[in-house]
PDB file of N, CA and C in Angstrom:
ATOM      1  N   MET A   1       0.291  -6.572   5.739  1.00  0.00           N
ATOM      2  CA  MET A   1       0.525  -6.099   7.631  1.00  0.00           C
ATOM      3  C   MET A   1      -1.093  -6.636   8.018  1.00  0.00           C
ATOM      4  N   ASN A   2      -0.140  -7.308   9.650  1.00  0.00           N
ATOM      5  CA  ASN A   2      -1.722  -7.827  10.167  1.00  0.00           C
ATOM      6  C   ASN A   2      -2.776  -6.670  10.636  1.00  0.00           C
ATOM      7  N   TYR A   3      -3.980  -5.855  10.623  1.00  0.00           N
ATOM      8  CA  TYR A   3      -4.298  -5.095  10.958  1.00  0.00           C
ATOM      9  C   TYR A   3      -4.738  -5.665  12.588  1.00  0.00           C
ATOM     10  N   LEU A   4      -4.766  -6.607  12.516  1.00  0.00           N
ATOM     11  CA  LEU A   4      -5.557  -7.046  14.636  1.00  0.00           C
ATOM     12  C   LEU A   4      -4.708  -6.990  15.361  1.00  0.00           C
ATOM     13  N   SER A   5      -3.466  -7.705  15.069  1.00  0.00           N
ATOM     14  CA  SER A   5      -2.751  -7.094  16.149  1.00  0.00           C
ATOM     15  C   SER A   5      -1.557  -6.335  16.180  1.00  0.00           C
ATOM     16  N   LYS A   6      -1.510  -4.899  15.519  1.00  0.00           N
ATOM     17  CA  LYS A   6      -0.940  -4.209  15.775  1.00  0.00           C
ATOM     18  C   LYS A   6      -0.972  -3.109  16.783  1.00  0.00           C
ATOM     19  N   SER A   7      -2.310  -2.798  16.800  1.00  0.00           N
ATOM     20  CA  SER A   7      -2.278  -1.783  17.860  1.00  0.00           C
ATOM     21  C   SER A   7      -4.244  -1.524  17.840  1.00  0.00           C
ATOM     22  N   ASN A   8      -4.334  -1.339  18.992  1.00  0.00           N
ATOM     23  CA  ASN A   8      -5.769  -1.586  19.485  1.00  0.00           C
ATOM     24  C   ASN A   8      -6.177   0.615  19.469  1.00  0.00           C
ATOM     25  N   ASN A   9      -5.911   1.207  18.756  1.00  0.00           N
ATOM     26  CA  ASN A   9      -6.800   1.692  18.547  1.00  0.00           C
ATOM     27  C   ASN A   9      -7.069   2.247  16.831  1.00  0.00           C
ATOM     28  N   ARG A  10      -6.068   1.510  16.376  1.00  0.00           N
ATOM     29  CA  ARG A  10      -6.247   0.913  14.957  1.00  0.00           C
ATOM     30  C   ARG A  10      -7.429   0.169  14.822  1.00  0.00           C
ATOM     31  N   PHE A  11      -7.932  -0.753  15.275  1.00  0.00           N
ATOM     32  CA  PHE A  11      -8.751  -2.017  14.929  1.00  0.00           C
ATOM     33  C   PHE A  11     -10.315  -1.792  16.158  1.00  0.00           C
ATOM     34  N   LYS A  12      -9.890  -0.378  16.964  1.00  0.00           N
ATOM     35  CA  LYS A  12     -11.268  -0.189  17.255  1.00  0.00           C
ATOM     36  C   LYS A  12     -12.061   1.032  16.187  1.00  0.00           C
ATOM     37  N   LYS A  13     -10.673   1.953  15.111  1.00  0.00           N
ATOM     38  CA  LYS A  13     -11.998   2.136  14.107  1.00  0.00           C
ATOM     39  C   LYS A  13     -12.062   1.418  13.269  1.00  0.00           C
ATOM     40  N   LEU A  14     -11.112   0.243  12.951  1.00  0.00           N
ATOM     41  CA  LEU A  14     -11.706  -0.424  11.942  1.00  0.00           C
ATOM     42  C   LEU A  14     -13.111  -1.389  12.653  1.00  0.00           C
ATOM     43  N   GLN A  15     -14.078  -1.511  13.487  1.00  0.00           N
ATOM     44  CA  GLN A  15     -14.639  -2.174  14.162  1.00  0.00           C
ATOM     45  C   GLN A  15     -15.424  -1.169  14.078  1.00  0.00           C
ATOM     46  N   ILE A  16     -15.868   0.251  13.752  1.00  0.00           N
ATOM     47  CA  ILE A  16     -16.554   1.173  13.699  1.00  0.00           C
ATOM     48  C   ILE A  16     -16.607   1.783  12.230  1.00  0.00           C
ATOM     49  N   ILE A  17     -15.985   1.118  11.201  1.00  0.00           N
ATOM     50  CA  ILE A  17     -16.515   1.400  10.288  1.00  0.00           C
ATOM     51  C   ILE A  17     -17.005  -0.483   9.322  1.00  0.00           C
ATOM     52  N   VAL A  18     -16.443  -1.024  10.319  1.00  0.00           N
ATOM     53  CA  VAL A  18     -17.073  -2.691   9.690  1.00  0.00           C
ATOM     54  C   VAL A  18     -18.786  -2.173  10.299  1.00  0.00           C
ATOM     55  N   VAL A  19     -19.148  -1.996  11.688  1.00  0.00           N
ATOM     56  CA  VAL A  19     -20.914  -1.299  11.939  1.00  0.00           C
ATOM     57  C   VAL A  19     -20.951  -0.585  11.087  1.00  0.00           C
ATOM     58  N   LYS A  20     -20.769   0.515  10.500  1.00  0.00           N
ATOM     59  CA  LYS A  20     -21.350   1.147   9.640  1.00  0.00           C
ATOM     60  C   LYS A  20     -21.005   0.389   8.172  1.00  0.00           C
ATOM     61  N   GLU A  21     -20.853  -0.205   7.515  1.00  0.00           N
ATOM     62  CA  GLU A  21     -21.142  -0.535   6.657  1.00  0.00           C
ATOM     63  C   GLU A  21     -22.138  -1.984   6.682  1.00  0.00           C
ATOM     64  N   LEU A  22     -22.648  -2.644   7.474  1.00  0.00           N
ATOM     65  CA  LEU A  22     -23.333  -3.817   7.617  1.00  0.00           C
ATOM     66  C   LEU A  22     -24.595  -2.912   8.481  1.00  0.00           C
ATOM     67  N   LEU A  23     -24.756  -2.266   8.806  1.00  0.00           N
ATOM     68  CA  LEU A  23     -25.684  -0.722   8.962  1.00  0.00           C
ATOM     69  C   LEU A  23     -26.197  -0.781   7.052  1.00  0.00           C
ATOM     70  N   VAL A  24     -25.836  -0.772   6.061  1.00  0.00           N
ATOM     71  CA  VAL A  24     -26.114  -0.092   5.661  1.00  0.00           C
ATOM     72  C   VAL A  24     -26.508  -1.253   4.065  1.00  0.00           C
ATOM     73  N   ILE A  25     -25.896  -2.521   4.445  1.00  0.00           N
ATOM     74  CA  ILE A  25     -26.017  -3.513   4.235  1.00  0.00           C
ATOM     75  C   ILE A  25     -27.366  -4.142   4.504  1.00  0.00           C
ATOM     76  N   ARG A  26     -28.112  -3.570   6.367  1.00  0.00           N
ATOM     77  CA  ARG A  26     -28.978  -4.141   6.082  1.00  0.00           C
ATOM     78  C   ARG A  26     -29.877  -3.201   5.705  1.00  0.00           C
ATOM     79  N   THR A  27     -29.982  -2.149   6.304  1.00  0.00           N
ATOM     80  CA  THR A  27     -31.436  -0.933   5.149  1.00  0.00           C
ATOM     81  C   THR A  27     -31.435  -1.546   4.212  1.00  0.00           C
ATOM     82  N   LEU A  28     -30.997  -1.866   3.735  1.00  0.00           N
ATOM     83  CA  LEU A  28     -30.463  -1.939   1.657  1.00  0.00           C
ATOM     84  C   LEU A  28     -30.877  -3.341   1.389  1.00  0.00           C
ATOM     85  N   VAL A  29     -31.220  -4.841   2.766  1.00  0.00           N
ATOM     86  CA  VAL A  29     -32.023  -5.511   2.513  1.00  0.00           C
ATOM     87  C   VAL A  29     -33.299  -5.556   2.854  1.00  0.00           C
ATOM     88  N   GLN A  30     -33.526  -4.511   3.330  1.00  0.00           N
ATOM     89  CA  GLN A  30     -34.875  -4.115   4.768  1.00  0.00           C
ATOM     90  C   GLN A  30     -35.764  -3.541   3.351  1.00  0.00           C
ATOM     91  N   GLN A  31     -35.285  -2.741   2.343  1.00  0.00           N
ATOM     92  CA  GLN A  31     -36.059  -1.894   1.526  1.00  0.00           C
ATOM     93  C   GLN A  31     -36.158  -2.701   0.938  1.00  0.00           C
ATOM     94  N   LYS A  32     -36.072  -4.337   0.055  1.00  0.00           N
ATOM     95  CA  LYS A  32     -35.466  -5.262  -0.886  1.00  0.00           C
ATOM     96  C   LYS A  32     -37.368  -6.198  -0.706  1.00  0.00           C
ATOM     97  N   ARG A  33     -36.996  -6.330   0.549  1.00  0.00           N
ATOM     98  CA  ARG A  33     -38.195  -7.219   1.527  1.00  0.00           C
ATOM     99  C   ARG A  33     -39.387  -6.524   1.375  1.00  0.00           C
ATOM    100  N   ARG A  34     -39.179  -5.034   1.638  1.00  0.00           N
ATOM    101  CA  ARG A  34     -40.489  -4.423   1.363  1.00  0.00           C
ATOM    102  C   ARG A  34     -41.079  -4.261   0.111  1.00  0.00           C
ATOM    103  N   ASN A  35     -40.243  -4.656  -0.765  1.00  0.00           N
ATOM    104  CA  ASN A  35     -40.972  -4.078  -1.962  1.00  0.00           C
ATOM    105  C   ASN A  35     -41.942  -5.683  -2.389  1.00  0.00           C
ATOM    106  N   PRO A  36     -43.037  -5.281  -2.707  1.00  0.00           N
ATOM    107  CA  PRO A  36     -44.285  -5.989  -2.847  1.00  0.00           C
ATOM    108  C   PRO A  36     -44.172  -6.675  -4.325  1.00  0.00           C
ATOM    109  N   ARG A  37     -43.077  -6.476  -5.261  1.00  0.00           N
ATOM    110  CA  ARG A  37     -43.198  -6.563  -6.265  1.00  0.00           C
ATOM    111  C   ARG A  37     -42.696  -8.244  -5.920  1.00  0.00           C
ATOM    112  N   ARG A  38     -41.237  -7.728  -5.488  1.00  0.00           N
ATOM    113  CA  ARG A  38     -40.395  -9.676  -5.124  1.00  0.00           C
ATOM    114  C   ARG A  38     -40.356  -9.339  -4.010  1.00  0.00           C
ATOM    115  N   LYS A  39     -40.434 -10.708  -4.199  1.00  0.00           N
ATOM    116  CA  LYS A  39     -40.542 -11.899  -2.730  1.00  0.00           C
ATOM    117  C   LYS A  39     -39.235 -12.479  -2.671  1.00  0.00           C
ATOM    118  N   LYS A  40     -38.626 -12.317  -2.869  1.00  0.00           N
ATOM    119  CA  LYS A  40     -37.861 -13.257  -2.190  1.00  0.00           C
ATOM    120  C   LYS A  40     -36.529 -12.535  -1.104  1.00  0.00           C
ATOM    121  N   ARG A  41     -36.354 -13.423  -0.552  1.00  0.00           N
ATOM    122  CA  ARG A  41     -35.615 -13.273   0.685  1.00  0.00           C
ATOM    123  C   ARG A  41     -33.804 -13.414   0.407  1.00  0.00           C
ATOM    124  N   TYR A  42     -33.205 -12.215   0.832  1.00  0.00           N
ATOM    125  CA  TYR A  42     -31.237 -11.887   0.518  1.00  0.00           C
ATOM    126  C   TYR A  42     -31.161 -12.302   2.163  1.00  0.00           C
ATOM    127  N   ASN A  43     -30.403 -13.346   1.927  1.00  0.00           N
ATOM    128  CA  ASN A  43     -29.457 -13.620   3.671  1.00  0.00           C
ATOM    129  C   ASN A  43     -28.004 -13.546   3.486  1.00  0.00           C
ATOM    130  N   ILE A  44     -27.792 -12.022   3.519  1.00  0.00           N
ATOM    131  CA  ILE A  44     -25.676 -12.021   3.616  1.00  0.00           C
ATOM    132  C   ILE A  44     -25.515 -12.480   4.935  1.00  0.00           C
ATOM    133  N   LYS A  45     -24.541 -13.526   5.142  1.00  0.00           N
ATOM    134  CA  LYS A  45     -24.047 -14.216   6.426  1.00  0.00           C
ATOM    135  C   LYS A  45     -22.486 -13.345   6.382  1.00  0.00           C
ATOM    136  N   LEU A  46     -22.124 -12.181   7.008  1.00  0.00           N
ATOM    137  CA  LEU A  46     -20.190 -11.989   6.527  1.00  0.00           C
ATOM    138  C   LEU A  46     -19.715 -13.147   8.261  1.00  0.00           C
ATOM    139  N   ASN A  47     -18.141 -13.744   7.788  1.00  0.00           N
ATOM    140  CA  ASN A  47     -17.866 -13.643   9.019  1.00  0.00           C
ATOM    141  C   ASN A  47     -17.298 -12.989   9.170  1.00  0.00           C
ATOM    142  N   PRO A  48     -16.500 -12.236  10.926  1.00  0.00           N
ATOM    143  CA  PRO A  48     -15.858 -11.182  11.259  1.00  0.00           C
ATOM    144  C   PRO A  48     -14.762 -10.860  10.550  1.00  0.00           C
ATOM    145  N   ARG A  49     -14.157 -11.813   9.912  1.00  0.00           N
ATOM    146  CA  ARG A  49     -12.683 -11.761   9.166  1.00  0.00           C
ATOM    147  C   ARG A  49     -13.093 -11.232   7.739  1.00  0.00           C
ATOM    148  N   GLU A  50     -14.105 -11.453   7.032  1.00  0.00           N
ATOM    149  CA  GLU A  50     -14.620 -11.216   6.051  1.00  0.00           C
ATOM    150  C   GLU A  50     -15.680  -9.551   5.632  1.00  0.00           C
ATOM    151  N   GLU A  51     -15.168  -9.394   6.848  1.00  0.00           N
ATOM    152  CA  GLU A  51     -16.343  -7.784   7.141  1.00  0.00           C
ATOM    153  C   GLU A  51     -14.970  -6.761   7.343  1.00  0.00           C
ATOM    154  N   ILE A  52     -13.709  -7.273   7.543  1.00  0.00           N
ATOM    155  CA  ILE A  52     -12.481  -6.138   8.437  1.00  0.00           C
ATOM    156  C   ILE A  52     -12.358  -6.527   6.827  1.00  0.00           C
ATOM    157  N   GLN A  53     -11.993  -7.678   6.049  1.00  0.00           N
ATOM    158  CA  GLN A  53     -11.313  -7.905   4.855  1.00  0.00           C
ATOM    159  C   GLN A  53     -11.808  -6.343   3.408  1.00  0.00           C
ATOM    160  N   LEU A  54     -13.014  -6.511   3.913  1.00  0.00           N
ATOM    161  CA  LEU A  54     -13.941  -5.554   2.971  1.00  0.00           C
ATOM    162  C   LEU A  54     -13.742  -4.442   3.167  1.00  0.00           C
ATOM    163  N   VAL A  55     -13.124  -3.766   4.446  1.00  0.00           N
ATOM    164  CA  VAL A  55     -12.687  -2.320   4.180  1.00  0.00           C
ATOM    165  C   VAL A  55     -11.582  -1.691   3.720  1.00  0.00           C
ATOM    166  N   PHE A  56     -10.723  -2.899   3.607  1.00  0.00           N
ATOM    167  CA  PHE A  56      -9.691  -2.949   3.530  1.00  0.00           C
ATOM    168  C   PHE A  56      -9.193  -2.992   1.638  1.00  0.00           C
ATOM    169  N   CYS A  57     -10.680  -3.755   1.037  1.00  0.00           N
ATOM    170  CA  CYS A  57     -10.739  -3.775  -0.181  1.00  0.00           C
ATOM    171  C   CYS A  57     -10.447  -2.281  -1.156  1.00  0.00           C
ATOM    172  N   LYS A  58     -10.518  -2.912  -2.250  1.00  0.00           N
ATOM    173  CA  LYS A  58     -10.683  -1.806  -3.028  1.00  0.00           C
ATOM    174  C   LYS A  58     -12.169  -2.044  -3.872  1.00  0.00           C
ATOM    175  N   SER A  59     -12.542  -1.657  -4.863  1.00  0.00           N
ATOM    176  CA  SER A  59     -14.265  -2.022  -5.531  1.00  0.00           C
ATOM    177  C   SER A  59     -13.857  -3.276  -6.153  1.00  0.00           C
ATOM    178  N   GLN A  60     -13.170  -4.025  -7.386  1.00  0.00           N
ATOM    179  CA  GLN A  60     -13.156  -4.793  -7.285  1.00  0.00           C
ATOM    180  C   GLN A  60     -12.799  -5.720  -6.340  1.00  0.00           C
ATOM    181  N   LEU A  61     -12.237  -6.036  -6.011  1.00  0.00           N
ATOM    182  CA  LEU A  61     -12.315  -7.380  -4.777  1.00  0.00           C
ATOM    183  C   LEU A  61     -13.247  -7.036  -3.765  1.00  0.00           C
ATOM    184  N   MET A  62     -14.117  -5.668  -4.201  1.00  0.00           N
ATOM    185  CA  MET A  62     -15.316  -6.431  -3.030  1.00  0.00           C
ATOM    186  C   MET A  62     -16.192  -7.011  -3.777  1.00  0.00           C
ATOM    187  N   MET A  63     -16.643  -6.087  -4.610  1.00  0.00           N
ATOM    188  CA  MET A  63     -17.888  -7.069  -5.768  1.00  0.00           C
ATOM    189  C   MET A  63     -17.579  -8.226  -4.989  1.00  0.00           C
ATOM    190  N   LYS A  64     -16.119  -9.065  -6.053  1.00  0.00           N
ATOM    191  CA  LYS A  64     -15.582 -10.515  -6.086  1.00  0.00           C
ATOM    192  C   LYS A  64     -16.456 -11.008  -4.336  1.00  0.00           C
ATOM    193  N   LYS A  65     -15.584 -10.248  -2.872  1.00  0.00           N
ATOM    194  CA  LYS A  65     -15.850 -11.366  -2.023  1.00  0.00           C
ATOM    195  C   LYS A  65     -17.309 -10.796  -1.417  1.00  0.00           C
ATOM    196  N   VAL A  66     -19.053 -10.180  -2.264  1.00  0.00           N
ATOM    197  CA  VAL A  66     -20.057 -10.764  -2.237  1.00  0.00           C
ATOM    198  C   VAL A  66     -20.703 -11.047  -3.768  1.00  0.00           C
ATOM    199  N   ASN A  67     -19.886 -12.000  -4.273  1.00  0.00           N
ATOM    200  CA  ASN A  67     -20.583 -12.804  -5.529  1.00  0.00           C
ATOM    201  C   ASN A  67     -20.881 -13.608  -5.120  1.00  0.00           C
ATOM    202  N   ASN A  68     -21.757 -13.753  -3.899  1.00  0.00           N
ATOM    203  CA  ASN A  68     -22.657 -15.239  -3.826  1.00  0.00           C
ATOM    204  C   ASN A  68     -24.515 -14.589  -3.805  1.00  0.00           C
ATOM    205  N   ILE A  69     -24.210 -13.397  -3.869  1.00  0.00           N
ATOM    206  CA  ILE A  69     -25.208 -12.257  -3.628  1.00  0.00           C
ATOM    207  C   ILE A  69     -26.670 -11.775  -4.963  1.00  0.00           C
ATOM    208  N   ASN A  70     -27.361 -11.670  -4.578  1.00  0.00           N
ATOM    209  CA  ASN A  70     -27.508 -11.826  -6.221  1.00  0.00           C
ATOM    210  C   ASN A  70     -27.238 -10.840  -6.564  1.00  0.00           C
ATOM    211  N   GLN A  71     -27.329 -10.258  -7.502  1.00  0.00           N
ATOM    212  CA  GLN A  71     -26.747  -9.303  -8.793  1.00  0.00           C
ATOM    213  C   GLN A  71     -27.605  -7.641  -8.770  1.00  0.00           C
ATOM    214  N   ASN A  72     -28.891  -7.936  -8.098  1.00  0.00           N
ATOM    215  CA  ASN A  72     -29.552  -7.401  -8.066  1.00  0.00           C
ATOM    216  C   ASN A  72     -29.312  -6.761  -6.488  1.00  0.00           C
ATOM    217  N   ILE A  73     -28.973  -6.934  -6.053  1.00  0.00           N
ATOM    218  CA  ILE A  73     -28.281  -6.716  -4.661  1.00  0.00           C
ATOM    219  C   ILE A  73     -27.083  -5.847  -4.887  1.00  0.00           C
ATOM    220  N   LYS A  74     -26.253  -6.718  -5.225  1.00  0.00           N
ATOM    221  CA  LYS A  74     -25.137  -6.398  -5.193  1.00  0.00           C
ATOM    222  C   LYS A  74     -24.554  -5.207  -6.103  1.00  0.00           C
ATOM    223  N   ASN A  75     -25.267  -4.971  -6.982  1.00  0.00           N
ATOM    224  CA  ASN A  75     -25.173  -3.485  -7.168  1.00  0.00           C
ATOM    225  C   ASN A  75     -25.624  -2.689  -6.625  1.00  0.00           C
ATOM    226  N   GLN A  76     -26.825  -2.793  -5.598  1.00  0.00           N
ATOM    227  CA  GLN A  76     -26.392  -1.003  -4.795  1.00  0.00           C
ATOM    228  C   GLN A  76     -25.318  -1.319  -3.782  1.00  0.00           C
ATOM    229  N   TYR A  77     -25.304  -3.092  -3.189  1.00  0.00           N
ATOM    230  CA  TYR A  77     -24.426  -3.077  -1.677  1.00  0.00           C
ATOM    231  C   TYR A  77     -23.451  -2.278  -2.372  1.00  0.00           C
ATOM    232  N   TYR A  78     -22.885  -2.090  -3.671  1.00  0.00           N
ATOM    233  CA  TYR A  78     -21.457  -1.586  -4.157  1.00  0.00           C
ATOM    234  C   TYR A  78     -21.719  -0.226  -4.204  1.00  0.00           C
ATOM    235  N   ARG A  79     -22.933   0.601  -4.613  1.00  0.00           N
ATOM    236  CA  ARG A  79     -23.072   1.917  -4.411  1.00  0.00           C
ATOM    237  C   ARG A  79     -22.748   2.152  -3.553  1.00  0.00           C
ATOM    238  N   ALA A  80     -23.304   1.851  -2.093  1.00  0.00           N
ATOM    239  CA  ALA A  80     -23.426   1.776  -1.140  1.00  0.00           C
ATOM    240  C   ALA A  80     -21.784   1.907  -0.476  1.00  0.00           C
ATOM    241  N   LYS A  81     -20.803   1.010  -1.321  1.00  0.00           N
ATOM    242  CA  LYS A  81     -19.929   0.623   0.161  1.00  0.00           C
ATOM    243  C   LYS A  81     -18.603   1.604  -0.668  1.00  0.00           C
ATOM    244  N   VAL A  82     -19.121   2.456  -1.792  1.00  0.00           N
ATOM    245  CA  VAL A  82     -18.184   4.218  -2.725  1.00  0.00           C
ATOM    246  C   VAL A  82     -17.851   4.922  -2.319  1.00  0.00           C
ATOM    247  N   CYS A  83     -19.239   5.472  -1.091  1.00  0.00           N
ATOM    248  CA  CYS A  83     -19.514   5.724  -0.829  1.00  0.00           C
ATOM    249  C   CYS A  83     -18.717   6.184   0.788  1.00  0.00           C
ATOM    250  N   TRP A  84     -18.264   4.808   0.813  1.00  0.00           N
ATOM    251  CA  TRP A  84     -16.768   5.523   1.652  1.00  0.00           C
ATOM    252  C   TRP A  84     -15.785   5.489   1.991  1.00  0.00           C
ATOM    253  N   ASP A  85     -15.295   6.506   2.635  1.00  0.00           N
ATOM    254  CA  ASP A  85     -13.611   6.149   2.364  1.00  0.00           C
ATOM    255  C   ASP A  85     -12.546   4.968   2.757  1.00  0.00           C
ATOM    256  N   PHE A  86     -11.787   4.734   1.874  1.00  0.00           N
ATOM    257  CA  PHE A  86     -10.866   3.949   2.220  1.00  0.00           C
ATOM    258  C   PHE A  86      -9.673   4.253   2.808  1.00  0.00           C
TER     259      PHE A  86
END
């Protein structure tokens, strides 16, 4: 199914979920940067299609989408994502 072309209401709900998840990712990354023991920088870049796909994926597919992120970040990201209702 194409979620973007069906109805505007569904797309509005979609956008809200995407924004929440990006905020979760951003806060996790900022906490990592403030930790003095670890001075690595993590860049997480998602284009809009990937963000929307992440919303509808189950947990295993979600991990595949973010497999380029450092393993330590990836585990926290996975735990944060599972808290949201899909």
